[in-house]
PDB file of N, CA and C in Angstrom:
ATOM      1  N   ILE A   1     106.701  73.845 122.918  1.00  0.00           N
ATOM      2  CA  ILE A   1     106.840  73.845 121.700  1.00  0.00           C
ATOM      3  C   ILE A   1     107.003  72.387 120.617  1.00  0.00           C
ATOM      4  N   LYS A   2     106.030  72.045 119.554  1.00  0.00           N
ATOM      5  CA  LYS A   2     106.272  71.041 119.102  1.00  0.00           C
ATOM      6  C   LYS A   2     107.229  71.357 117.767  1.00  0.00           C
ATOM      7  N   LEU A   3     107.560  70.978 117.444  1.00  0.00           N
ATOM      8  CA  LEU A   3     109.094  70.365 115.957  1.00  0.00           C
ATOM      9  C   LEU A   3     108.248  69.694 115.046  1.00  0.00           C
ATOM     10  N   VAL A   4     108.351  69.982 113.500  1.00  0.00           N
ATOM     11  CA  VAL A   4     107.345  69.342 112.551  1.00  0.00           C
ATOM     12  C   VAL A   4     108.281  69.296 111.714  1.00  0.00           C
ATOM     13  N   LYS A   5     108.638  68.311 111.028  1.00  0.00           N
ATOM     14  CA  LYS A   5     109.035  67.814 109.631  1.00  0.00           C
ATOM     15  C   LYS A   5     108.876  68.669 108.374  1.00  0.00           C
ATOM     16  N   LEU A   6     109.861  69.683 107.867  1.00  0.00           N
ATOM     17  CA  LEU A   6     109.272  70.068 106.881  1.00  0.00           C
ATOM     18  C   LEU A   6     109.005  69.544 105.262  1.00  0.00           C
ATOM     19  N   ASP A   7     107.657  68.943 104.809  1.00  0.00           N
ATOM     20  CA  ASP A   7     107.489  68.531 103.941  1.00  0.00           C
ATOM     21  C   ASP A   7     107.151  69.832 102.894  1.00  0.00           C
ATOM     22  N   PRO A   8     108.073  70.226 101.621  1.00  0.00           N
ATOM     23  CA  PRO A   8     107.424  70.919 100.756  1.00  0.00           C
ATOM     24  C   PRO A   8     106.575  70.938  99.522  1.00  0.00           C
ATOM     25  N   ASP A   9     106.831  69.454  99.816  1.00  0.00           N
ATOM     26  CA  ASP A   9     105.353  68.517  98.901  1.00  0.00           C
ATOM     27  C   ASP A   9     104.111  69.168  99.106  1.00  0.00           C
ATOM     28  N   LYS A  10     104.053  69.000 100.641  1.00  0.00           N
ATOM     29  CA  LYS A  10     102.831  69.133 101.195  1.00  0.00           C
ATOM     30  C   LYS A  10     102.731  70.981 101.270  1.00  0.00           C
ATOM     31  N   LEU A  11     103.723  71.167 101.552  1.00  0.00           N
ATOM     32  CA  LEU A  11     103.864  72.915 101.943  1.00  0.00           C
ATOM     33  C   LEU A  11     103.054  73.522 100.407  1.00  0.00           C
ATOM     34  N   PHE A  12     103.375  73.744  99.162  1.00  0.00           N
ATOM     35  CA  PHE A  12     103.265  74.068  98.002  1.00  0.00           C
ATOM     36  C   PHE A  12     102.005  73.315  97.445  1.00  0.00           C
ATOM     37  N   LYS A  13     101.845  71.792  97.735  1.00  0.00           N
ATOM     38  CA  LYS A  13     100.642  71.438  96.703  1.00  0.00           C
ATOM     39  C   LYS A  13      99.611  72.590  96.702  1.00  0.00           C
ATOM     40  N   ASP A  14      98.369  72.182  96.151  1.00  0.00           N
ATOM     41  CA  ASP A  14      97.294  73.273  95.965  1.00  0.00           C
ATOM     42  C   ASP A  14      97.432  74.811  96.186  1.00  0.00           C
ATOM     43  N   THR A  15      98.681  74.875  95.636  1.00  0.00           N
ATOM     44  CA  THR A  15      99.083  76.327  95.404  1.00  0.00           C
ATOM     45  C   THR A  15      99.471  76.590  93.863  1.00  0.00           C
ATOM     46  N   LYS A  16      99.358  78.042  93.639  1.00  0.00           N
ATOM     47  CA  LYS A  16     100.103  78.203  92.379  1.00  0.00           C
ATOM     48  C   LYS A  16     101.163  78.217  92.276  1.00  0.00           C
ATOM     49  N   PHE A  17     102.240  78.002  92.816  1.00  0.00           N
ATOM     50  CA  PHE A  17     103.706  77.438  93.349  1.00  0.00           C
ATOM     51  C   PHE A  17     103.967  75.997  93.029  1.00  0.00           C
ATOM     52  N   TYR A  18     103.112  75.280  93.180  1.00  0.00           N
ATOM     53  CA  TYR A  18     103.602  73.879  92.894  1.00  0.00           C
ATOM     54  C   TYR A  18     104.160  73.315  91.903  1.00  0.00           C
ATOM     55  N   SER A  19     103.576  73.995  90.681  1.00  0.00           N
ATOM     56  CA  SER A  19     104.365  73.197  89.470  1.00  0.00           C
ATOM     57  C   SER A  19     105.627  74.060  89.102  1.00  0.00           C
ATOM     58  N   LYS A  20     105.955  75.126  90.174  1.00  0.00           N
ATOM     59  CA  LYS A  20     106.976  75.590  89.805  1.00  0.00           C
ATOM     60  C   LYS A  20     107.929  75.358  90.653  1.00  0.00           C
ATOM     61  N   TRP A  21     107.437  74.487  91.735  1.00  0.00           N
ATOM     62  CA  TRP A  21     108.218  73.821  92.899  1.00  0.00           C
ATOM     63  C   TRP A  21     108.837  72.280  92.279  1.00  0.00           C
ATOM     64  N   LEU A  22     107.291  71.399  91.493  1.00  0.00           N
ATOM     65  CA  LEU A  22     107.906  70.102  91.138  1.00  0.00           C
ATOM     66  C   LEU A  22     108.857  71.022  90.604  1.00  0.00           C
ATOM     67  N   LYS A  23     109.333  71.572  89.776  1.00  0.00           N
ATOM     68  CA  LYS A  23     110.654  71.858  88.464  1.00  0.00           C
ATOM     69  C   LYS A  23     111.916  71.847  88.857  1.00  0.00           C
ATOM     70  N   LYS A  24     111.554  72.778  89.929  1.00  0.00           N
ATOM     71  CA  LYS A  24     112.691  72.642  90.804  1.00  0.00           C
ATOM     72  C   LYS A  24     113.281  71.873  92.075  1.00  0.00           C
ATOM     73  N   ARG A  25     112.386  71.367  92.206  1.00  0.00           N
ATOM     74  CA  ARG A  25     112.501  70.430  93.738  1.00  0.00           C
ATOM     75  C   ARG A  25     113.858  69.899  93.726  1.00  0.00           C
ATOM     76  N   ASN A  26     114.052  69.029  92.695  1.00  0.00           N
ATOM     77  CA  ASN A  26     115.248  67.891  92.623  1.00  0.00           C
ATOM     78  C   ASN A  26     116.563  69.575  92.614  1.00  0.00           C
ATOM     79  N   VAL A  27     116.523  70.096  91.901  1.00  0.00           N
ATOM     80  CA  VAL A  27     118.051  70.822  91.973  1.00  0.00           C
ATOM     81  C   VAL A  27     117.924  71.284  93.135  1.00  0.00           C
ATOM     82  N   ILE A  28     116.690  72.355  94.085  1.00  0.00           N
ATOM     83  CA  ILE A  28     116.911  72.970  95.171  1.00  0.00           C
ATOM     84  C   ILE A  28     117.188  72.410  96.308  1.00  0.00           C
ATOM     85  N   GLU A  29     116.919  70.874  96.331  1.00  0.00           N
ATOM     86  CA  GLU A  29     117.616  69.411  97.356  1.00  0.00           C
ATOM     87  C   GLU A  29     118.537  69.274  97.230  1.00  0.00           C
ATOM     88  N   ASN A  30     119.068  69.060  95.722  1.00  0.00           N
ATOM     89  CA  ASN A  30     120.473  68.605  95.553  1.00  0.00           C
ATOM     90  C   ASN A  30     121.275  70.031  95.875  1.00  0.00           C
ATOM     91  N   SER A  31     121.093  71.014  96.210  1.00  0.00           N
ATOM     92  CA  SER A  31     122.170  72.349  96.129  1.00  0.00           C
ATOM     93  C   SER A  31     122.614  72.016  97.168  1.00  0.00           C
ATOM     94  N   GLN A  32     124.266  71.822  97.442  1.00  0.00           N
ATOM     95  CA  GLN A  32     124.522  72.550  98.877  1.00  0.00           C
ATOM     96  C   GLN A  32     124.382  73.308  99.903  1.00  0.00           C
ATOM     97  N   PHE A  33     123.494  74.240  99.251  1.00  0.00           N
ATOM     98  CA  PHE A  33     123.185  75.268 100.062  1.00  0.00           C
ATOM     99  C   PHE A  33     121.756  75.041 100.541  1.00  0.00           C
ATOM    100  N   ARG A  34     121.120  73.373 100.122  1.00  0.00           N
ATOM    101  CA  ARG A  34     119.506  73.748 100.448  1.00  0.00           C
ATOM    102  C   ARG A  34     118.859  74.164 101.544  1.00  0.00           C
ATOM    103  N   ILE A  35     119.589  74.257 102.360  1.00  0.00           N
ATOM    104  CA  ILE A  35     118.751  74.191 103.991  1.00  0.00           C
ATOM    105  C   ILE A  35     118.653  75.473 103.895  1.00  0.00           C
ATOM    106  N   ALA A  36     119.821  76.455 103.625  1.00  0.00           N
ATOM    107  CA  ALA A  36     119.371  78.031 103.104  1.00  0.00           C
ATOM    108  C   ALA A  36     118.444  78.287 102.268  1.00  0.00           C
ATOM    109  N   HIS A  37     118.340  78.027 101.231  1.00  0.00           N
ATOM    110  CA  HIS A  37     117.680  78.185  99.456  1.00  0.00           C
ATOM    111  C   HIS A  37     116.619  77.653  99.874  1.00  0.00           C
ATOM    112  N   LEU A  38     116.259  76.371 100.622  1.00  0.00           N
ATOM    113  CA  LEU A  38     114.390  76.738 100.773  1.00  0.00           C
ATOM    114  C   LEU A  38     113.898  77.127 101.953  1.00  0.00           C
ATOM    115  N   SER A  39     115.153  77.363 103.459  1.00  0.00           N
ATOM    116  CA  SER A  39     114.484  78.171 104.284  1.00  0.00           C
ATOM    117  C   SER A  39     113.920  79.612 103.674  1.00  0.00           C
ATOM    118  N   ASP A  40     114.597  79.927 102.842  1.00  0.00           N
ATOM    119  CA  ASP A  40     114.290  81.345 102.091  1.00  0.00           C
ATOM    120  C   ASP A  40     112.873  81.174 101.439  1.00  0.00           C
ATOM    121  N   GLY A  41     112.922  80.048 100.288  1.00  0.00           N
ATOM    122  CA  GLY A  41     111.483  80.084  99.955  1.00  0.00           C
ATOM    123  C   GLY A  41     110.788  79.671 100.997  1.00  0.00           C
ATOM    124  N   VAL A  42     110.601  79.025 101.670  1.00  0.00           N
ATOM    125  CA  VAL A  42     108.997  78.667 102.579  1.00  0.00           C
ATOM    126  C   VAL A  42     109.206  79.784 103.920  1.00  0.00           C
ATOM    127  N   ARG A  43     110.309  80.789 103.703  1.00  0.00           N
ATOM    128  CA  ARG A  43     109.958  81.877 104.532  1.00  0.00           C
ATOM    129  C   ARG A  43     108.922  82.904 103.799  1.00  0.00           C
ATOM    130  N   VAL A  44     109.383  83.123 102.926  1.00  0.00           N
ATOM    131  CA  VAL A  44     108.181  84.295 102.092  1.00  0.00           C
ATOM    132  C   VAL A  44     107.357  83.363 101.818  1.00  0.00           C
ATOM    133  N   PHE A  45     107.064  82.211 101.520  1.00  0.00           N
ATOM    134  CA  PHE A  45     105.896  81.570 100.954  1.00  0.00           C
ATOM    135  C   PHE A  45     105.318  81.636 102.096  1.00  0.00           C
ATOM    136  N   LEU A  46     105.382  81.463 103.092  1.00  0.00           N
ATOM    137  CA  LEU A  46     104.548  81.172 104.581  1.00  0.00           C
ATOM    138  C   LEU A  46     103.638  82.795 104.838  1.00  0.00           C
ATOM    139  N   LEU A  47     105.090  83.696 104.544  1.00  0.00           N
ATOM    140  CA  LEU A  47     104.090  85.082 104.669  1.00  0.00           C
ATOM    141  C   LEU A  47     103.219  85.424 103.298  1.00  0.00           C
ATOM    142  N   TYR A  48     103.540  84.982 102.422  1.00  0.00           N
ATOM    143  CA  TYR A  48     102.813  85.734 101.226  1.00  0.00           C
ATOM    144  C   TYR A  48     101.440  84.935 101.493  1.00  0.00           C
ATOM    145  N   THR A  49     101.696  83.687 102.046  1.00  0.00           N
ATOM    146  CA  THR A  49     100.412  82.978 102.337  1.00  0.00           C
ATOM    147  C   THR A  49      99.290  83.720 103.704  1.00  0.00           C
ATOM    148  N   TYR A  50      99.834  83.271 104.813  1.00  0.00           N
ATOM    149  CA  TYR A  50      99.408  83.788 105.570  1.00  0.00           C
ATOM    150  C   TYR A  50      99.294  85.294 106.206  1.00  0.00           C
ATOM    151  N   GLY A  51     100.854  86.064 105.753  1.00  0.00           N
ATOM    152  CA  GLY A  51     101.063  87.720 105.729  1.00  0.00           C
ATOM    153  C   GLY A  51     101.862  87.239 107.442  1.00  0.00           C
ATOM    154  N   GLY A  52     102.632  88.359 107.808  1.00  0.00           N
ATOM    155  CA  GLY A  52     102.852  88.179 109.248  1.00  0.00           C
ATOM    156  C   GLY A  52     103.926  89.588 109.588  1.00  0.00           C
ATOM    157  N   ILE A  53     105.190  88.905 110.541  1.00  0.00           N
ATOM    158  CA  ILE A  53     106.262  89.655 110.673  1.00  0.00           C
ATOM    159  C   ILE A  53     107.233  88.169 110.675  1.00  0.00           C
ATOM    160  N   TYR A  54     107.875  88.539 110.088  1.00  0.00           N
ATOM    161  CA  TYR A  54     110.069  87.471 110.269  1.00  0.00           C
ATOM    162  C   TYR A  54     110.739  88.430 110.351  1.00  0.00           C
ATOM    163  N   LEU A  55     111.403  88.279 111.628  1.00  0.00           N
ATOM    164  CA  LEU A  55     113.230  88.899 112.086  1.00  0.00           C
ATOM    165  C   LEU A  55     113.901  87.767 112.200  1.00  0.00           C
ATOM    166  N   ASP A  56     115.195  87.861 111.049  1.00  0.00           N
ATOM    167  CA  ASP A  56     116.507  86.994 111.599  1.00  0.00           C
ATOM    168  C   ASP A  56     116.464  87.183 112.977  1.00  0.00           C
ATOM    169  N   LEU A  57     117.075  85.321 113.515  1.00  0.00           N
ATOM    170  CA  LEU A  57     117.707  85.962 114.726  1.00  0.00           C
ATOM    171  C   LEU A  57     118.498  86.688 115.378  1.00  0.00           C
ATOM    172  N   ASP A  58     119.316  87.186 114.766  1.00  0.00           N
ATOM    173  CA  ASP A  58     119.824  88.915 115.282  1.00  0.00           C
ATOM    174  C   ASP A  58     119.212  89.783 115.368  1.00  0.00           C
ATOM    175  N   THR A  59     118.478  90.086 115.163  1.00  0.00           N
ATOM    176  CA  THR A  59     117.358  91.216 115.167  1.00  0.00           C
ATOM    177  C   THR A  59     116.869  91.611 116.344  1.00  0.00           C
ATOM    178  N   ILE A  60     116.940  92.830 116.501  1.00  0.00           N
ATOM    179  CA  ILE A  60     116.622  93.455 118.439  1.00  0.00           C
ATOM    180  C   ILE A  60     116.013  94.330 117.646  1.00  0.00           C
ATOM    181  N   SER A  61     114.432  94.513 118.311  1.00  0.00           N
ATOM    182  CA  SER A  61     113.282  95.249 118.655  1.00  0.00           C
ATOM    183  C   SER A  61     113.563  96.007 119.302  1.00  0.00           C
ATOM    184  N   LEU A  62     113.335  97.669 119.225  1.00  0.00           N
ATOM    185  CA  LEU A  62     113.408  98.511 120.281  1.00  0.00           C
ATOM    186  C   LEU A  62     111.942  99.023 120.309  1.00  0.00           C
ATOM    187  N   LYS A  63     111.298  98.450 119.687  1.00  0.00           N
ATOM    188  CA  LYS A  63     109.944  99.127 119.776  1.00  0.00           C
ATOM    189  C   LYS A  63     108.719  98.278 119.199  1.00  0.00           C
ATOM    190  N   ASN A  64     107.551  98.362 120.099  1.00  0.00           N
ATOM    191  CA  ASN A  64     106.566  97.617 119.578  1.00  0.00           C
ATOM    192  C   ASN A  64     106.000  97.388 118.250  1.00  0.00           C
ATOM    193  N   PHE A  65     105.374  96.309 117.619  1.00  0.00           N
ATOM    194  CA  PHE A  65     105.055  96.384 116.099  1.00  0.00           C
ATOM    195  C   PHE A  65     103.682  97.097 116.052  1.00  0.00           C
ATOM    196  N   ASP A  66     102.996  97.591 116.722  1.00  0.00           N
ATOM    197  CA  ASP A  66     101.610  98.377 116.761  1.00  0.00           C
ATOM    198  C   ASP A  66     101.631  98.835 115.200  1.00  0.00           C
ATOM    199  N   GLU A  67     102.116 100.275 115.302  1.00  0.00           N
ATOM    200  CA  GLU A  67     102.477 100.782 113.867  1.00  0.00           C
ATOM    201  C   GLU A  67     102.857 100.065 112.909  1.00  0.00           C
ATOM    202  N   LEU A  68     104.468  99.571 112.782  1.00  0.00           N
ATOM    203  CA  LEU A  68     105.135  98.795 112.241  1.00  0.00           C
ATOM    204  C   LEU A  68     104.462  97.938 111.233  1.00  0.00           C
ATOM    205  N   TYR A  69     102.879  97.023 111.791  1.00  0.00           N
ATOM    206  CA  TYR A  69     102.214  96.141 111.598  1.00  0.00           C
ATOM    207  C   TYR A  69     101.206  96.681 110.317  1.00  0.00           C
ATOM    208  N   LYS A  70     101.193  97.774 110.334  1.00  0.00           N
ATOM    209  CA  LYS A  70     100.450  98.669 109.478  1.00  0.00           C
ATOM    210  C   LYS A  70     100.984  98.629 107.601  1.00  0.00           C
ATOM    211  N   LYS A  71     101.616  98.461 107.934  1.00  0.00           N
ATOM    212  CA  LYS A  71     102.657  99.025 106.395  1.00  0.00           C
ATOM    213  C   LYS A  71     103.622  97.631 106.260  1.00  0.00           C
ATOM    214  N   SER A  72     103.694  97.304 105.068  1.00  0.00           N
ATOM    215  CA  SER A  72     104.282  95.964 104.182  1.00  0.00           C
ATOM    216  C   SER A  72     105.487  96.772 103.591  1.00  0.00           C
ATOM    217  N   GLY A  73     106.763  95.667 104.316  1.00  0.00           N
ATOM    218  CA  GLY A  73     107.959  95.649 103.630  1.00  0.00           C
ATOM    219  C   GLY A  73     109.062  94.922 104.069  1.00  0.00           C
ATOM    220  N   VAL A  74     110.389  95.436 103.699  1.00  0.00           N
ATOM    221  CA  VAL A  74     111.637  94.832 104.092  1.00  0.00           C
ATOM    222  C   VAL A  74     112.702  95.436 104.631  1.00  0.00           C
ATOM    223  N   GLY A  75     113.506  94.831 105.173  1.00  0.00           N
ATOM    224  CA  GLY A  75     114.663  95.951 105.835  1.00  0.00           C
ATOM    225  C   GLY A  75     115.565  96.041 104.219  1.00  0.00           C
ATOM    226  N   THR A  76     116.410  97.101 104.563  1.00  0.00           N
ATOM    227  CA  THR A  76     117.177  97.492 103.420  1.00  0.00           C
ATOM    228  C   THR A  76     118.484  98.051 104.273  1.00  0.00           C
ATOM    229  N   TYR A  77     119.500  97.934 103.431  1.00  0.00           N
ATOM    230  CA  TYR A  77     121.149  98.074 103.798  1.00  0.00           C
ATOM    231  C   TYR A  77     121.527  99.816 103.143  1.00  0.00           C
ATOM    232  N   SER A  78     120.812  99.848 102.225  1.00  0.00           N
ATOM    233  CA  SER A  78     120.641 101.567 101.850  1.00  0.00           C
ATOM    234  C   SER A  78     119.517 101.758 100.722  1.00  0.00           C
ATOM    235  N   ASN A  79     119.526 102.964 100.124  1.00  0.00           N
ATOM    236  CA  ASN A  79     118.367 103.487  99.246  1.00  0.00           C
ATOM    237  C   ASN A  79     118.242 102.351  97.741  1.00  0.00           C
ATOM    238  N   TYR A  80     119.161 101.384  97.812  1.00  0.00           N
ATOM    239  CA  TYR A  80     119.200 100.376  96.619  1.00  0.00           C
ATOM    240  C   TYR A  80     119.611  98.899  96.860  1.00  0.00           C
ATOM    241  N   GLU A  81     119.687  98.602  98.589  1.00  0.00           N
ATOM    242  CA  GLU A  81     119.551  97.434  98.824  1.00  0.00           C
ATOM    243  C   GLU A  81     118.623  97.041  99.674  1.00  0.00           C
ATOM    244  N   ILE A  82     117.774  95.876  99.250  1.00  0.00           N
ATOM    245  CA  ILE A  82     116.819  95.129  99.899  1.00  0.00           C
ATOM    246  C   ILE A  82     117.365  94.030 100.688  1.00  0.00           C
ATOM    247  N   ASN A  83     117.162  93.638 102.023  1.00  0.00           N
ATOM    248  CA  ASN A  83     117.318  92.618 102.249  1.00  0.00           C
ATOM    249  C   ASN A  83     116.400  92.191 103.035  1.00  0.00           C
ATOM    250  N   SER A  84     116.295  90.625 103.122  1.00  0.00           N
ATOM    251  CA  SER A  84     115.101  90.064 103.912  1.00  0.00           C
ATOM    252  C   SER A  84     114.965  89.409 105.238  1.00  0.00           C
ATOM    253  N   ALA A  85     116.109  90.204 106.249  1.00  0.00           N
ATOM    254  CA  ALA A  85     116.233  89.921 107.430  1.00  0.00           C
ATOM    255  C   ALA A  85     114.804  90.309 108.315  1.00  0.00           C
ATOM    256  N   ILE A  86     114.450  91.516 107.948  1.00  0.00           N
ATOM    257  CA  ILE A  86     113.224  92.192 108.571  1.00  0.00           C
ATOM    258  C   ILE A  86     111.891  92.158 107.148  1.00  0.00           C
ATOM    259  N   MET A  87     110.689  91.336 107.198  1.00  0.00           N
ATOM    260  CA  MET A  87     109.952  91.448 106.345  1.00  0.00           C
ATOM    261  C   MET A  87     108.592  91.381 106.775  1.00  0.00           C
ATOM    262  N   ILE A  88     107.700  92.155 106.608  1.00  0.00           N
ATOM    263  CA  ILE A  88     106.327  92.597 107.005  1.00  0.00           C
ATOM    264  C   ILE A  88     105.700  92.836 106.186  1.00  0.00           C
ATOM    265  N   PHE A  89     104.932  91.556 105.778  1.00  0.00           N
ATOM    266  CA  PHE A  89     103.225  91.647 105.067  1.00  0.00           C
ATOM    267  C   PHE A  89     102.325  91.460 104.993  1.00  0.00           C
ATOM    268  N   SER A  90     101.180  92.230 104.625  1.00  0.00           N
ATOM    269  CA  SER A  90     100.081  91.564 104.262  1.00  0.00           C
ATOM    270  C   SER A  90      99.488  89.665 103.575  1.00  0.00           C
ATOM    271  N   LYS A  91      98.835  89.448 103.648  1.00  0.00           N
ATOM    272  CA  LYS A  91      98.344  88.378 103.415  1.00  0.00           C
ATOM    273  C   LYS A  91      98.579  88.658 101.606  1.00  0.00           C
ATOM    274  N   ASN A  92      99.255  87.527 100.964  1.00  0.00           N
ATOM    275  CA  ASN A  92      98.892  87.639  99.290  1.00  0.00           C
ATOM    276  C   ASN A  92      99.143  89.020  98.755  1.00  0.00           C
ATOM    277  N   HIS A  93     100.828  89.407  99.444  1.00  0.00           N
ATOM    278  CA  HIS A  93     101.126  90.721  99.255  1.00  0.00           C
ATOM    279  C   HIS A  93     101.642  90.683  97.546  1.00  0.00           C
ATOM    280  N   PRO A  94     101.386  91.405  96.950  1.00  0.00           N
ATOM    281  CA  PRO A  94     101.974  91.399  95.481  1.00  0.00           C
ATOM    282  C   PRO A  94     103.459  91.306  95.322  1.00  0.00           C
ATOM    283  N   LEU A  95     104.463  91.950  96.338  1.00  0.00           N
ATOM    284  CA  LEU A  95     105.613  91.931  95.922  1.00  0.00           C
ATOM    285  C   LEU A  95     106.249  90.461  96.518  1.00  0.00           C
ATOM    286  N   LEU A  96     105.465  89.751  97.686  1.00  0.00           N
ATOM    287  CA  LEU A  96     106.001  88.395  97.640  1.00  0.00           C
ATOM    288  C   LEU A  96     105.492  87.713  96.690  1.00  0.00           C
ATOM    289  N   ASN A  97     104.692  88.299  95.881  1.00  0.00           N
ATOM    290  CA  ASN A  97     104.316  87.252  94.606  1.00  0.00           C
ATOM    291  C   ASN A  97     105.452  87.035  93.732  1.00  0.00           C
ATOM    292  N   ILE A  98     106.168  88.400  93.783  1.00  0.00           N
ATOM    293  CA  ILE A  98     106.860  88.700  92.430  1.00  0.00           C
ATOM    294  C   ILE A  98     108.468  88.111  92.790  1.00  0.00           C
ATOM    295  N   ALA A  99     108.483  87.635  94.502  1.00  0.00           N
ATOM    296  CA  ALA A  99     109.792  87.307  95.015  1.00  0.00           C
ATOM    297  C   ALA A  99     109.618  86.050  94.945  1.00  0.00           C
ATOM    298  N   LEU A 100     108.789  85.221  95.045  1.00  0.00           N
ATOM    299  CA  LEU A 100     108.208  83.588  94.536  1.00  0.00           C
ATOM    300  C   LEU A 100     108.451  83.218  93.727  1.00  0.00           C
ATOM    301  N   ASN A 101     107.852  84.100  92.972  1.00  0.00           N
ATOM    302  CA  ASN A 101     108.283  83.736  91.226  1.00  0.00           C
ATOM    303  C   ASN A 101     109.506  83.923  90.804  1.00  0.00           C
ATOM    304  N   GLY A 102     110.325  84.693  91.550  1.00  0.00           N
ATOM    305  CA  GLY A 102     111.846  85.182  91.165  1.00  0.00           C
ATOM    306  C   GLY A 102     112.264  83.990  92.051  1.00  0.00           C
ATOM    307  N   TYR A 103     111.872  83.307  92.426  1.00  0.00           N
ATOM    308  CA  TYR A 103     112.832  82.597  93.467  1.00  0.00           C
ATOM    309  C   TYR A 103     112.992  81.119  92.581  1.00  0.00           C
ATOM    310  N   PHE A 104     111.869  80.909  91.711  1.00  0.00           N
ATOM    311  CA  PHE A 104     111.314  79.553  91.370  1.00  0.00           C
ATOM    312  C   PHE A 104     112.238  79.698  90.009  1.00  0.00           C
ATOM    313  N   ASP A 105     112.022  80.844  89.315  1.00  0.00           N
ATOM    314  CA  ASP A 105     112.241  81.301  88.047  1.00  0.00           C
ATOM    315  C   ASP A 105     114.054  81.719  87.681  1.00  0.00           C
ATOM    316  N   GLU A 106     114.639  82.143  88.726  1.00  0.00           N
ATOM    317  CA  GLU A 106     115.815  82.819  88.740  1.00  0.00           C
ATOM    318  C   GLU A 106     116.797  82.080  89.471  1.00  0.00           C
ATOM    319  N   TYR A 107     116.447  80.730  89.693  1.00  0.00           N
ATOM    320  CA  TYR A 107     116.779  80.104  91.592  1.00  0.00           C
ATOM    321  C   TYR A 107     118.152  79.449  90.596  1.00  0.00           C
ATOM    322  N   ASN A 108     119.568  80.106  91.354  1.00  0.00           N
ATOM    323  CA  ASN A 108     120.777  79.076  91.119  1.00  0.00           C
ATOM    324  C   ASN A 108     121.193  78.690  92.399  1.00  0.00           C
ATOM    325  N   PRO A 109     121.510  77.094  92.214  1.00  0.00           N
ATOM    326  CA  PRO A 109     122.382  76.721  93.031  1.00  0.00           C
ATOM    327  C   PRO A 109     123.329  76.270  93.781  1.00  0.00           C
ATOM    328  N   GLY A 110     124.299  77.486  92.827  1.00  0.00           N
ATOM    329  CA  GLY A 110     125.560  77.760  93.349  1.00  0.00           C
ATOM    330  C   GLY A 110     125.931  78.882  93.841  1.00  0.00           C
ATOM    331  N   ILE A 111     124.582  79.820  94.274  1.00  0.00           N
ATOM    332  CA  ILE A 111     124.657  81.318  95.200  1.00  0.00           C
ATOM    333  C   ILE A 111     124.439  80.814  96.499  1.00  0.00           C
ATOM    334  N   TRP A 112     125.804  80.716  97.544  1.00  0.00           N
ATOM    335  CA  TRP A 112     124.801  80.992  98.986  1.00  0.00           C
ATOM    336  C   TRP A 112     124.225  81.602  99.435  1.00  0.00           C
ATOM    337  N   PHE A 113     124.444  83.326  98.967  1.00  0.00           N
ATOM    338  CA  PHE A 113     123.579  83.894  99.412  1.00  0.00           C
ATOM    339  C   PHE A 113     122.531  84.220  98.408  1.00  0.00           C
ATOM    340  N   PHE A 114     121.693  83.142  98.384  1.00  0.00           N
ATOM    341  CA  PHE A 114     120.477  83.466  96.787  1.00  0.00           C
ATOM    342  C   PHE A 114     118.906  83.816  97.595  1.00  0.00           C
ATOM    343  N   ASP A 115     119.115  85.229  98.275  1.00  0.00           N
ATOM    344  CA  ASP A 115     118.436  85.702  98.741  1.00  0.00           C
ATOM    345  C   ASP A 115     117.071  86.058  97.881  1.00  0.00           C
ATOM    346  N   LEU A 116     116.209  85.904  98.716  1.00  0.00           N
ATOM    347  CA  LEU A 116     114.738  86.165  97.384  1.00  0.00           C
ATOM    348  C   LEU A 116     114.994  87.757  97.034  1.00  0.00           C
ATOM    349  N   PHE A 117     115.295  88.018  97.381  1.00  0.00           N
ATOM    350  CA  PHE A 117     115.071  90.344  96.815  1.00  0.00           C
ATOM    351  C   PHE A 117     116.556  90.499  96.068  1.00  0.00           C
ATOM    352  N   ILE A 118     117.233  89.602  96.138  1.00  0.00           N
ATOM    353  CA  ILE A 118     118.361  89.531  95.126  1.00  0.00           C
ATOM    354  C   ILE A 118     118.191  89.962  93.963  1.00  0.00           C
ATOM    355  N   PHE A 119     117.193  89.497  92.889  1.00  0.00           N
ATOM    356  CA  PHE A 119     116.667  89.710  91.504  1.00  0.00           C
ATOM    357  C   PHE A 119     115.746  90.816  91.320  1.00  0.00           C
ATOM    358  N   LEU A 120     115.378  91.385  92.774  1.00  0.00           N
ATOM    359  CA  LEU A 120     114.598  92.918  92.761  1.00  0.00           C
ATOM    360  C   LEU A 120     116.096  93.830  92.894  1.00  0.00           C
ATOM    361  N   ASN A 121     117.321  93.659  93.547  1.00  0.00           N
ATOM    362  CA  ASN A 121     118.381  94.125  93.302  1.00  0.00           C
ATOM    363  C   ASN A 121     118.696  94.501  92.007  1.00  0.00           C
ATOM    364  N   LEU A 122     118.699  93.099  91.306  1.00  0.00           N
ATOM    365  CA  LEU A 122     119.294  93.440  90.027  1.00  0.00           C
ATOM    366  C   LEU A 122     118.903  93.819  88.840  1.00  0.00           C
ATOM    367  N   PHE A 123     117.251  93.710  88.953  1.00  0.00           N
ATOM    368  CA  PHE A 123     116.735  94.712  88.104  1.00  0.00           C
ATOM    369  C   PHE A 123     116.497  95.920  88.484  1.00  0.00           C
ATOM    370  N   ASN A 124     116.882  96.546  89.614  1.00  0.00           N
ATOM    371  CA  ASN A 124     116.861  98.044  90.152  1.00  0.00           C
ATOM    372  C   ASN A 124     115.640  98.408  90.543  1.00  0.00           C
ATOM    373  N   PHE A 125     114.819  97.154  91.047  1.00  0.00           N
ATOM    374  CA  PHE A 125     112.993  96.990  91.529  1.00  0.00           C
ATOM    375  C   PHE A 125     112.938  98.592  92.236  1.00  0.00           C
ATOM    376  N   LYS A 126     112.320  99.705  92.142  1.00  0.00           N
ATOM    377  CA  LYS A 126     112.448 101.013  92.725  1.00  0.00           C
ATOM    378  C   LYS A 126     110.942 100.863  93.739  1.00  0.00           C
ATOM    379  N   PHE A 127     110.766 101.393  94.697  1.00  0.00           N
ATOM    380  CA  PHE A 127     109.208 101.282  95.440  1.00  0.00           C
ATOM    381  C   PHE A 127     109.521 102.877  96.886  1.00  0.00           C
ATOM    382  N   ASN A 128     108.274 102.362  96.770  1.00  0.00           N
ATOM    383  CA  ASN A 128     107.943 103.642  98.236  1.00  0.00           C
ATOM    384  C   ASN A 128     107.629 103.679  98.907  1.00  0.00           C
TER     385      ASN A 128
END
């Protein structure tokens, strides 16, 4: 295992999100919840950039991912609430593009649970 220090400037550089990162960097880095908030953004950015599966550490899988990986989506609490404990997306998925833009555009450093999909819940985003 190799641990690497995260450098968000390098991560977002040369991407369409770099200018948004530069505008919000100081606010995010000075938030009392900066670790949680930055990890939310980085997690979704990496899924957007490379595609793949993300599971929170407290998620238990009872089946393999072969069939699941053919689809994209996020976990839900109900028909109305999206969460990001489970995310499966192909590279450059449009929903992640929306989530990342919402992350940078609607960022609120005072909310601990600033999940990337909160704004989708607030706007009653519908998907099937």
